[in-house]
Protein backbone atom coordinates (compact mmCIF):
# COMPACT_ATOMS: atom_id res chain seq x y z
CA MET A 1 -229.26 -125.81 17.01
CA ARG A 2 -231.18 -125.54 13.75
CA LYS A 3 -234.73 -126.80 13.29
CA LYS A 4 -235.16 -130.17 11.61
CA LYS A 5 -236.49 -129.91 8.06
CA ILE A 6 -239.10 -132.37 6.82
CA LEU A 7 -240.36 -132.67 3.25
CA VAL A 8 -243.84 -134.10 2.62
CA ILE A 9 -244.62 -135.21 -0.95
CA ASP A 10 -248.31 -136.08 -1.42
CA ASP A 11 -250.90 -135.18 -4.05
CA ASP A 12 -253.62 -134.93 -1.36
CA GLU A 13 -253.87 -131.31 -0.20
CA MET A 14 -255.59 -132.26 3.06
CA ASN A 15 -252.79 -134.64 4.01
CA LEU A 16 -250.24 -131.90 3.33
CA GLN A 17 -252.08 -129.40 5.51
CA ILE A 18 -252.47 -131.85 8.40
CA ALA A 19 -248.85 -132.98 8.24
CA LYS A 20 -247.51 -129.43 8.19
CA MET A 21 -249.74 -128.26 11.03
CA VAL A 22 -249.15 -131.12 13.47
CA LEU A 23 -245.43 -131.68 12.78
CA GLU A 24 -244.49 -128.02 13.07
CA LYS A 25 -246.53 -127.66 16.26
CA LYS A 26 -245.53 -130.87 18.03
CA LEU A 27 -241.93 -131.29 16.86
CA THR A 28 -240.92 -127.64 16.34
CA CYS A 29 -239.62 -128.45 12.87
CA GLU A 30 -239.87 -126.80 9.46
CA VAL A 31 -242.12 -128.65 7.01
CA PHE A 32 -242.04 -128.25 3.22
CA CYS A 33 -245.12 -129.52 1.36
CA VAL A 34 -245.29 -130.32 -2.36
CA ASP A 35 -247.76 -132.31 -4.45
CA THR A 36 -245.46 -133.83 -7.09
CA GLY A 37 -242.25 -135.82 -7.09
CA GLU A 38 -240.55 -133.31 -9.39
CA ALA A 39 -241.28 -130.46 -6.97
CA GLY A 40 -239.98 -132.61 -4.12
CA LEU A 41 -236.68 -133.15 -5.91
CA ASP A 42 -236.34 -129.39 -6.42
CA VAL A 43 -236.73 -128.87 -2.66
CA LEU A 44 -234.20 -131.60 -1.86
CA ARG A 45 -231.63 -130.00 -4.13
CA SER A 46 -232.02 -126.57 -2.57
CA GLU A 47 -232.64 -127.36 1.13
CA ARG A 48 -230.89 -129.53 3.69
CA VAL A 49 -233.82 -131.87 4.41
CA ASP A 50 -233.57 -134.30 7.34
CA LEU A 51 -236.49 -136.58 6.44
CA VAL A 52 -238.88 -137.16 3.53
CA LEU A 53 -242.47 -138.42 3.85
CA LEU A 54 -243.36 -139.76 0.41
CA ASP A 55 -246.76 -140.92 -0.83
CA ILE A 56 -246.62 -144.05 -2.98
CA LEU A 57 -249.80 -143.53 -5.02
CA MET A 58 -249.52 -140.31 -6.98
CA PRO A 59 -250.60 -139.59 -10.58
CA GLU A 60 -248.05 -139.51 -13.40
CA HIS A 61 -244.75 -139.72 -11.44
CA ASP A 62 -245.61 -141.97 -8.49
CA GLY A 63 -243.81 -142.35 -5.16
CA ILE A 64 -241.72 -145.32 -6.23
CA GLU A 65 -240.43 -143.50 -9.29
CA THR A 66 -239.74 -140.45 -7.15
CA LEU A 67 -237.86 -142.58 -4.61
CA ALA A 68 -235.75 -144.01 -7.44
CA ASP A 69 -234.93 -140.45 -8.54
CA ILE A 70 -233.98 -139.49 -4.96
CA ARG A 71 -231.68 -142.50 -4.61
CA GLY A 72 -230.18 -141.88 -8.05
CA ASP A 73 -229.07 -138.30 -7.36
CA VAL A 74 -225.75 -137.83 -5.56
CA LEU A 75 -227.13 -134.80 -3.72
CA THR A 76 -230.19 -136.62 -2.33
CA LYS A 77 -229.34 -140.32 -2.25
CA ASP A 78 -228.73 -140.50 1.52
CA VAL A 79 -231.81 -138.59 2.70
CA PRO A 80 -233.98 -140.80 4.98
CA VAL A 81 -237.45 -141.59 3.59
CA ILE A 82 -240.69 -142.85 5.11
CA MET A 83 -243.35 -143.99 2.64
CA LEU A 84 -247.00 -142.98 3.02
CA THR A 85 -249.31 -145.67 1.71
CA ALA A 86 -252.98 -146.60 1.65
CA SER A 87 -252.09 -149.95 0.10
CA GLY A 88 -249.97 -152.78 1.44
CA ALA A 89 -249.46 -154.31 -2.00
CA ALA A 90 -246.59 -156.78 -1.88
CA GLU A 91 -245.23 -155.55 -5.21
CA ASN A 92 -244.93 -151.97 -3.94
CA ILE A 93 -243.31 -153.08 -0.68
CA GLN A 94 -240.77 -155.15 -2.60
CA ARG A 95 -239.86 -152.32 -4.98
CA VAL A 96 -239.51 -149.80 -2.17
CA SER A 97 -237.42 -152.23 -0.12
CA GLU A 98 -235.04 -152.67 -3.06
CA LEU A 99 -234.51 -148.90 -2.92
CA GLY A 100 -233.52 -149.11 0.74
CA VAL A 101 -236.72 -148.02 2.51
CA GLN A 102 -238.48 -150.18 5.11
CA ASP A 103 -240.42 -147.48 6.97
CA TYR A 104 -244.14 -146.94 6.26
CA ILE A 105 -246.98 -144.87 7.65
CA LYS A 106 -250.44 -146.19 6.83
CA LYS A 107 -252.96 -143.79 5.28
CA PRO A 108 -255.24 -142.33 6.42
CA PHE A 109 -252.99 -141.54 9.37
CA MET A 110 -253.94 -140.22 12.79
CA PRO A 111 -252.03 -137.02 13.69
CA ALA A 112 -250.70 -138.53 16.94
CA ASP A 113 -249.38 -141.58 15.09
CA LEU A 114 -247.76 -139.40 12.44
CA VAL A 115 -245.96 -137.36 15.10
CA ALA A 116 -244.84 -140.46 17.01
CA ARG A 117 -243.48 -142.20 13.92
CA VAL A 118 -241.65 -139.14 12.64
CA LYS A 119 -240.17 -138.35 16.07
CA LYS A 120 -238.94 -141.94 16.42
CA LYS A 121 -237.28 -141.78 13.02
CA LEU A 122 -235.62 -138.43 13.71
CA ASP A 123 -234.33 -139.74 17.06
CA GLU A 124 -232.76 -142.69 15.25
CA LEU A 125 -230.91 -140.37 12.88
CA ARG A 126 -228.27 -139.23 15.32
CA PRO A 127 -226.15 -136.80 13.32
CA GLU A 128 -222.43 -136.34 13.46
CA GLU A 129 -221.67 -133.13 15.33
CA VAL A 130 -219.05 -130.38 15.43
CA LEU A 131 -217.94 -128.90 18.76
CA LEU A 132 -217.06 -125.19 18.74
CA ILE A 133 -215.03 -123.92 21.72
CA GLY A 134 -214.28 -120.27 22.46
CA GLU A 135 -215.18 -117.12 24.39
CA ASP A 136 -216.87 -114.99 21.72
CA TYR A 137 -220.34 -116.52 21.70
CA ALA A 138 -221.55 -114.29 18.84
CA SER A 139 -218.80 -115.40 16.47
CA LEU A 140 -219.36 -119.04 17.45
CA LEU A 141 -223.07 -118.65 16.64
CA GLU A 142 -222.14 -117.27 13.23
CA LEU A 143 -219.86 -120.21 12.50
CA GLN A 144 -222.55 -122.60 13.78
CA LYS A 145 -225.05 -121.15 11.30
CA LEU A 146 -222.63 -121.52 8.38
CA ILE A 147 -221.78 -125.13 9.20
CA GLU A 148 -225.38 -126.23 9.71
CA GLU A 149 -226.56 -124.54 6.50
CA THR A 150 -223.80 -126.13 4.44
CA PHE A 151 -223.12 -129.59 5.88
CA PRO A 152 -225.17 -132.47 7.33
CA TYR A 153 -223.81 -131.72 10.79
CA GLU A 154 -225.25 -130.33 13.99
CA THR A 155 -223.00 -128.05 16.05
CA GLN A 156 -222.58 -127.58 19.79
CA ILE A 157 -221.07 -124.47 21.39
CA ALA A 158 -218.95 -124.58 24.55
CA THR A 159 -217.59 -121.55 26.41
CA SER A 160 -216.06 -123.54 29.27
CA VAL A 161 -214.00 -126.70 29.73
CA GLU A 162 -216.83 -128.32 31.69
CA THR A 163 -219.36 -127.76 28.92
CA ALA A 164 -216.94 -129.02 26.28
CA GLU A 165 -216.25 -132.20 28.24
CA LYS A 166 -219.99 -132.76 28.72
CA PHE A 167 -220.63 -132.52 24.97
CA LEU A 168 -217.71 -134.81 24.20
CA SER A 169 -219.06 -137.42 26.61
CA GLU A 170 -222.70 -137.24 25.59
CA ARG A 171 -222.77 -136.27 21.92
CA ASN A 172 -221.52 -137.75 18.64
CA ILE A 173 -218.68 -135.23 18.15
CA ARG A 174 -216.67 -135.75 14.96
CA LEU A 175 -214.70 -132.47 14.75
CA ILE A 176 -213.48 -129.95 17.33
CA ILE A 177 -212.83 -126.32 16.37
CA ALA A 178 -211.20 -124.36 19.22
CA ASN A 179 -209.96 -120.80 19.59
CA ALA A 180 -206.27 -120.84 20.48
CA GLU A 181 -206.58 -117.62 22.53
CA MET A 182 -209.13 -118.35 25.27
CA LYS A 183 -208.80 -116.97 28.80
CA PHE A 184 -210.44 -119.89 30.59
CA VAL A 185 -208.05 -122.34 28.89
CA SER A 186 -205.71 -121.91 25.93
CA GLY A 187 -206.53 -123.89 22.83
CA TYR A 188 -203.19 -125.63 23.10
CA GLU A 189 -203.88 -126.71 26.68
CA PHE A 190 -207.28 -128.03 25.65
CA LEU A 191 -205.67 -129.88 22.73
CA ALA A 192 -203.28 -131.53 25.20
CA MET A 193 -206.22 -132.56 27.37
CA ILE A 194 -207.96 -134.15 24.38
CA ALA A 195 -204.78 -135.89 23.22
CA ALA A 196 -204.36 -137.46 26.67
CA ASN A 197 -207.89 -138.86 26.74
CA GLU A 198 -208.29 -142.30 25.13
CA LYS A 199 -211.97 -141.69 24.32
CA PHE A 200 -211.45 -138.39 22.50
CA CYS A 201 -207.87 -138.39 21.16
CA ALA A 202 -208.90 -139.65 17.69
CA ILE A 203 -211.31 -136.72 17.07
CA PRO A 204 -209.90 -134.27 14.46
CA PHE A 205 -208.95 -131.01 16.21
CA THR A 206 -208.59 -127.57 14.63
CA LEU A 207 -207.06 -124.51 16.34
CA THR A 208 -207.81 -121.00 15.09
CA THR A 209 -207.90 -117.35 16.20
CA ASP A 210 -210.70 -114.79 16.01
CA LYS A 211 -208.82 -112.85 13.33
CA LYS A 212 -208.32 -115.88 11.12
CA LEU A 213 -211.84 -117.13 11.78
CA PHE A 214 -213.45 -113.87 10.69
CA ALA A 215 -211.24 -113.73 7.61
CA HIS A 216 -212.57 -117.11 6.54
CA LEU A 217 -216.15 -116.21 7.43
CA SER A 218 -215.82 -113.19 5.12
CA LYS A 219 -214.47 -115.39 2.36
CA ILE A 220 -217.28 -117.91 2.76
CA ARG A 221 -219.93 -115.17 2.58
CA GLN A 222 -218.73 -114.00 -0.85
CA PRO A 223 -221.21 -115.04 -3.56
CA PRO A 224 -220.01 -117.86 -5.83
CA PRO A 225 -219.10 -117.00 -9.43
CA VAL A 226 -221.97 -116.99 -11.91
CA GLU A 227 -221.64 -119.89 -14.33
CA GLU A 228 -223.98 -121.81 -16.57
CA GLU A 229 -224.38 -124.79 -14.26
CA PRO A 230 -227.27 -126.36 -12.34
CA PRO A 231 -228.38 -124.37 -9.24
CA HIS A 232 -226.87 -126.92 -6.85
CA ALA A 233 -223.42 -126.63 -8.47
CA SER A 234 -222.76 -123.20 -6.93
CA LYS A 235 -223.84 -124.46 -3.53
CA LYS A 236 -221.36 -127.32 -3.86
CA LYS A 237 -218.54 -124.86 -4.59
CA LEU A 238 -219.48 -122.86 -1.53
CA ALA A 239 -219.36 -126.05 0.52
CA ASN A 240 -215.85 -126.71 -0.80
CA VAL A 241 -214.76 -123.29 0.49
CA VAL A 242 -216.13 -124.13 3.94
CA THR A 243 -214.43 -127.52 3.87
CA SER A 244 -211.08 -125.91 3.09
CA ALA A 245 -211.50 -123.33 5.82
CA ILE A 246 -212.46 -125.77 8.52
CA GLY A 247 -210.28 -128.69 7.55
CA TYR A 248 -207.05 -127.16 6.44
CA GLU A 249 -206.66 -123.39 6.45
CA LEU A 250 -207.83 -122.16 9.84
CA ASP A 251 -204.55 -122.81 11.56
CA VAL A 252 -203.54 -126.27 12.70
CA ARG A 253 -205.21 -129.60 12.21
CA ILE A 254 -204.08 -132.48 14.38
C-alpha cells in the first residue's frame, strides 16, 4: 500500500520543518512543503495528494484565495483540506466554510496535536479500494503501483480465497480484478462465488490472464504523445488508458 501524501502550505519556514519532521516520523507519510499558494497548486496538479494543510494568513495570495483556487480546479477540487490559523476571525471562518472546509488546527500547534488531528482526518477518509486476485505476486504488485499512482484508489492483493474474502468483508472494495487462470481457484469459480453472495455480487468484476495483463501494462508504460497542453493533460490521457484497460479491455467485465 502506498504512503499517504500530505501537502503543507505555509509561509513560515519553521512550521514547514516541524510539520514535515513529525508527520513523516509518526505517520510514515510523505510530506510536501511549500511557502506559497501557487507552489501548492503546482504540487496538487502533479502529485496525488491525500490531504492539504493550508495556512490562512499568507502574504499576497492568502490561504482563502488559495482554497478557492483548489476548489475551482477540476483536478484538485475534491482534495481534503485542513486550515492552519492563528486567528479565529469570524469572517475567515465564514469564507472558508463556504468553500467546504470546517477543519482547523490552531497555530502555534503542538507536534502531538498536529499528528493526532491529521491522523484522525486521514482515518476518516476511507478510500475506495481495488482487490487484485492472482498467483503471480510480482505482477500484482506492478499493477497495484500503476493503479495507486494514477487513481484515487488503494489496492489490496490476495493470493488465496481466504485472503480475498477477508478483504471483501473488511475493506471498501469497489472493483475486483482476478486472474482467470489460478491454481488455487479459477477466476470463473471465484466469479461464481461472488455472484452468489448478496453482500458482494454488485461489485464490478474483471477477469484477465497474465498474457493480457502484461500486454496492457506495456501499453500503459508507453510515454504519452508530446503536445502543447498543460502538464496535467498528458497525465489525464494516461489515466484514460488505464481506465480502458481495467474497465473494458482486459477480458470480461460483469
